[in-house]
Amino acid sequence: QVQLVESGGGLVQPGGSLRLSCAASGTTSRFYAMGWYRQVPGKQRDMVATVNDDGITKYVDSVKGRFYISRDYAKNEVYLDMNSLQPEDTAVYYCNGGYYAVGNDAFWGQGTQVTVSS
C-alpha cells in the first residue's frame, strides 16, 4: 500500500521559514511527478508547487520567489522550502505523488498544518 507521509509543519512568525518533507513508502517505483497542495477550511485544495521527473517545476503565482520545491529521486521524497511566510500561507499542506501526473487521481499524504502568525 502506497503511503505518503509529510513532516515539518508548525507555527512560524511572519517572515519566517519552514521546510516540509514528504516520504513515500510501499512502492518500489519512482513517481513521475510529485507536488504540494494546500487547503484552508471551506475552500478547495489548490496546487502550490509541482516537480516532474525531468526536473520541471511549476508554482502558483503567490509563492513564486518564496517557495522552492525539490526532490530526492532515489528516495522518492519531495521537499518544499518556504521562505518569507505570510499569514495567507496558513493552511494544511498536502503531499501528492503520481506515476503519470499529480492531482486527484494520484496519491495523497495526510496533511501537515502550517500556521503563520505573530
Protein backbone atom coordinates (compact mmCIF):
# COMPACT_ATOMS: atom_id res chain seq x y z
CA GLN A 1 0.00 0.00 0.00
CA VAL A 2 1.47 3.31 -1.08
CA GLN A 3 1.74 5.92 1.65
CA LEU A 4 2.97 9.49 1.65
CA VAL A 5 3.99 10.94 5.00
CA GLU A 6 4.56 14.67 5.46
CA SER A 7 6.59 16.34 8.18
CA GLY A 8 7.89 19.78 9.02
CA GLY A 9 4.76 21.81 9.57
CA GLY A 10 4.23 24.06 12.55
CA LEU A 11 3.82 27.60 13.80
CA VAL A 12 6.06 30.32 12.42
CA GLN A 13 6.08 34.10 12.61
CA PRO A 14 5.50 36.22 9.50
CA GLY A 15 8.71 36.47 7.51
CA GLY A 16 9.94 33.15 8.82
CA SER A 17 10.82 29.92 7.04
CA LEU A 18 9.81 26.28 7.17
CA ARG A 19 10.78 23.16 5.30
CA LEU A 20 8.21 20.49 4.54
CA SER A 21 9.27 16.96 3.72
CA CYS A 22 7.33 14.08 2.22
CA ALA A 23 8.46 10.47 2.08
CA ALA A 24 6.82 7.74 0.04
CA SER A 25 6.64 4.14 1.16
CA GLY A 26 5.02 0.95 -0.07
CA THR A 27 6.29 1.33 -3.62
CA THR A 28 9.44 0.39 -5.46
CA SER A 29 8.56 2.56 -8.46
CA ARG A 30 9.52 6.19 -8.70
CA PHE A 31 6.74 8.72 -9.05
CA TYR A 32 6.83 10.62 -12.32
CA ALA A 33 5.62 13.77 -10.58
CA MET A 34 5.30 14.98 -7.02
CA GLY A 35 3.93 18.13 -5.57
CA TRP A 36 2.46 20.13 -2.74
CA TYR A 37 -1.08 21.37 -2.37
CA ARG A 38 -2.73 23.39 0.38
CA GLN A 39 -6.20 23.84 1.73
CA VAL A 40 -7.89 26.21 4.14
CA PRO A 41 -11.26 25.45 5.75
CA GLY A 42 -14.17 25.97 3.41
CA LYS A 43 -12.03 26.23 0.28
CA GLN A 44 -10.80 23.80 -2.33
CA ARG A 45 -7.39 22.22 -2.25
CA ASP A 46 -5.06 24.19 -4.52
CA MET A 47 -1.73 23.38 -6.12
CA VAL A 48 1.27 25.13 -4.59
CA ALA A 49 4.22 23.59 -6.42
CA THR A 50 4.99 20.52 -8.52
CA VAL A 51 8.10 18.90 -9.97
CA ASN A 52 8.24 16.14 -12.56
CA ASP A 53 10.79 13.51 -13.49
CA ASP A 54 12.52 15.95 -15.85
CA GLY A 55 13.01 18.44 -13.06
CA ILE A 56 10.45 20.85 -14.47
CA THR A 57 8.81 22.84 -11.70
CA LYS A 58 5.57 24.79 -11.51
CA TYR A 59 4.45 27.23 -8.83
CA VAL A 60 1.29 29.10 -8.06
CA ASP A 61 1.93 32.80 -8.63
CA SER A 62 1.50 33.73 -4.97
CA VAL A 63 4.54 31.69 -3.87
CA LYS A 64 6.94 32.33 -6.76
CA GLY A 65 10.27 33.57 -5.47
CA ARG A 66 9.46 32.48 -1.91
CA PHE A 67 8.86 28.73 -2.10
CA TYR A 68 11.15 26.15 -3.69
CA ILE A 69 10.29 22.54 -4.44
CA SER A 70 12.92 19.84 -4.75
CA ARG A 71 13.10 16.05 -4.94
CA ASP A 72 15.34 13.21 -3.93
CA TYR A 73 14.60 10.86 -6.80
CA ALA A 74 16.42 7.92 -5.27
CA LYS A 75 14.42 8.14 -2.05
CA ASN A 76 11.10 9.08 -3.70
CA GLU A 77 10.91 12.13 -1.45
CA VAL A 78 9.86 15.70 -2.11
CA TYR A 79 10.55 18.88 -0.15
CA LEU A 80 9.11 22.36 0.00
CA ASP A 81 11.29 25.18 1.30
CA MET A 82 9.05 28.04 2.30
CA ASN A 83 10.54 31.48 2.92
CA SER A 84 9.11 34.90 3.73
CA LEU A 85 6.00 33.21 5.03
CA GLN A 86 2.88 35.32 5.36
CA PRO A 87 -0.38 34.78 7.26
CA GLU A 88 -2.12 33.97 3.97
CA ASP A 89 0.16 30.93 3.64
CA THR A 90 -1.58 29.39 6.63
CA ALA A 91 -3.17 26.12 5.53
CA VAL A 92 -2.94 22.36 5.70
CA TYR A 93 -0.28 21.32 3.22
CA TYR A 94 -0.65 18.00 1.40
CA CYS A 95 1.96 15.99 -0.44
CA ASN A 96 0.92 14.41 -3.73
CA GLY A 97 2.65 11.87 -5.94
CA GLY A 98 1.70 10.12 -9.13
CA TYR A 99 3.18 7.63 -11.56
CA TYR A 100 1.82 9.66 -14.50
CA ALA A 101 0.84 13.03 -13.06
CA VAL A 102 -0.03 14.79 -9.84
CA GLY A 103 -3.59 15.60 -8.92
CA ASN A 104 -6.72 13.99 -7.63
CA ASP A 105 -6.02 10.59 -9.20
CA ALA A 106 -2.58 10.37 -7.57
CA PHE A 107 -1.59 9.52 -4.01
CA TRP A 108 -2.08 11.92 -1.10
CA GLY A 109 -0.45 12.35 2.25
CA GLN A 110 -2.41 13.03 5.41
CA GLY A 111 -1.51 16.70 5.52
CA THR A 112 0.56 18.88 7.82
CA GLN A 113 -0.59 22.17 9.34
CA VAL A 114 1.36 25.33 8.64
CA THR A 115 0.35 28.37 10.68
CA VAL A 116 1.90 31.77 10.10
CA SER A 117 1.08 34.11 12.95
CA SER A 118 2.70 36.54 15.32
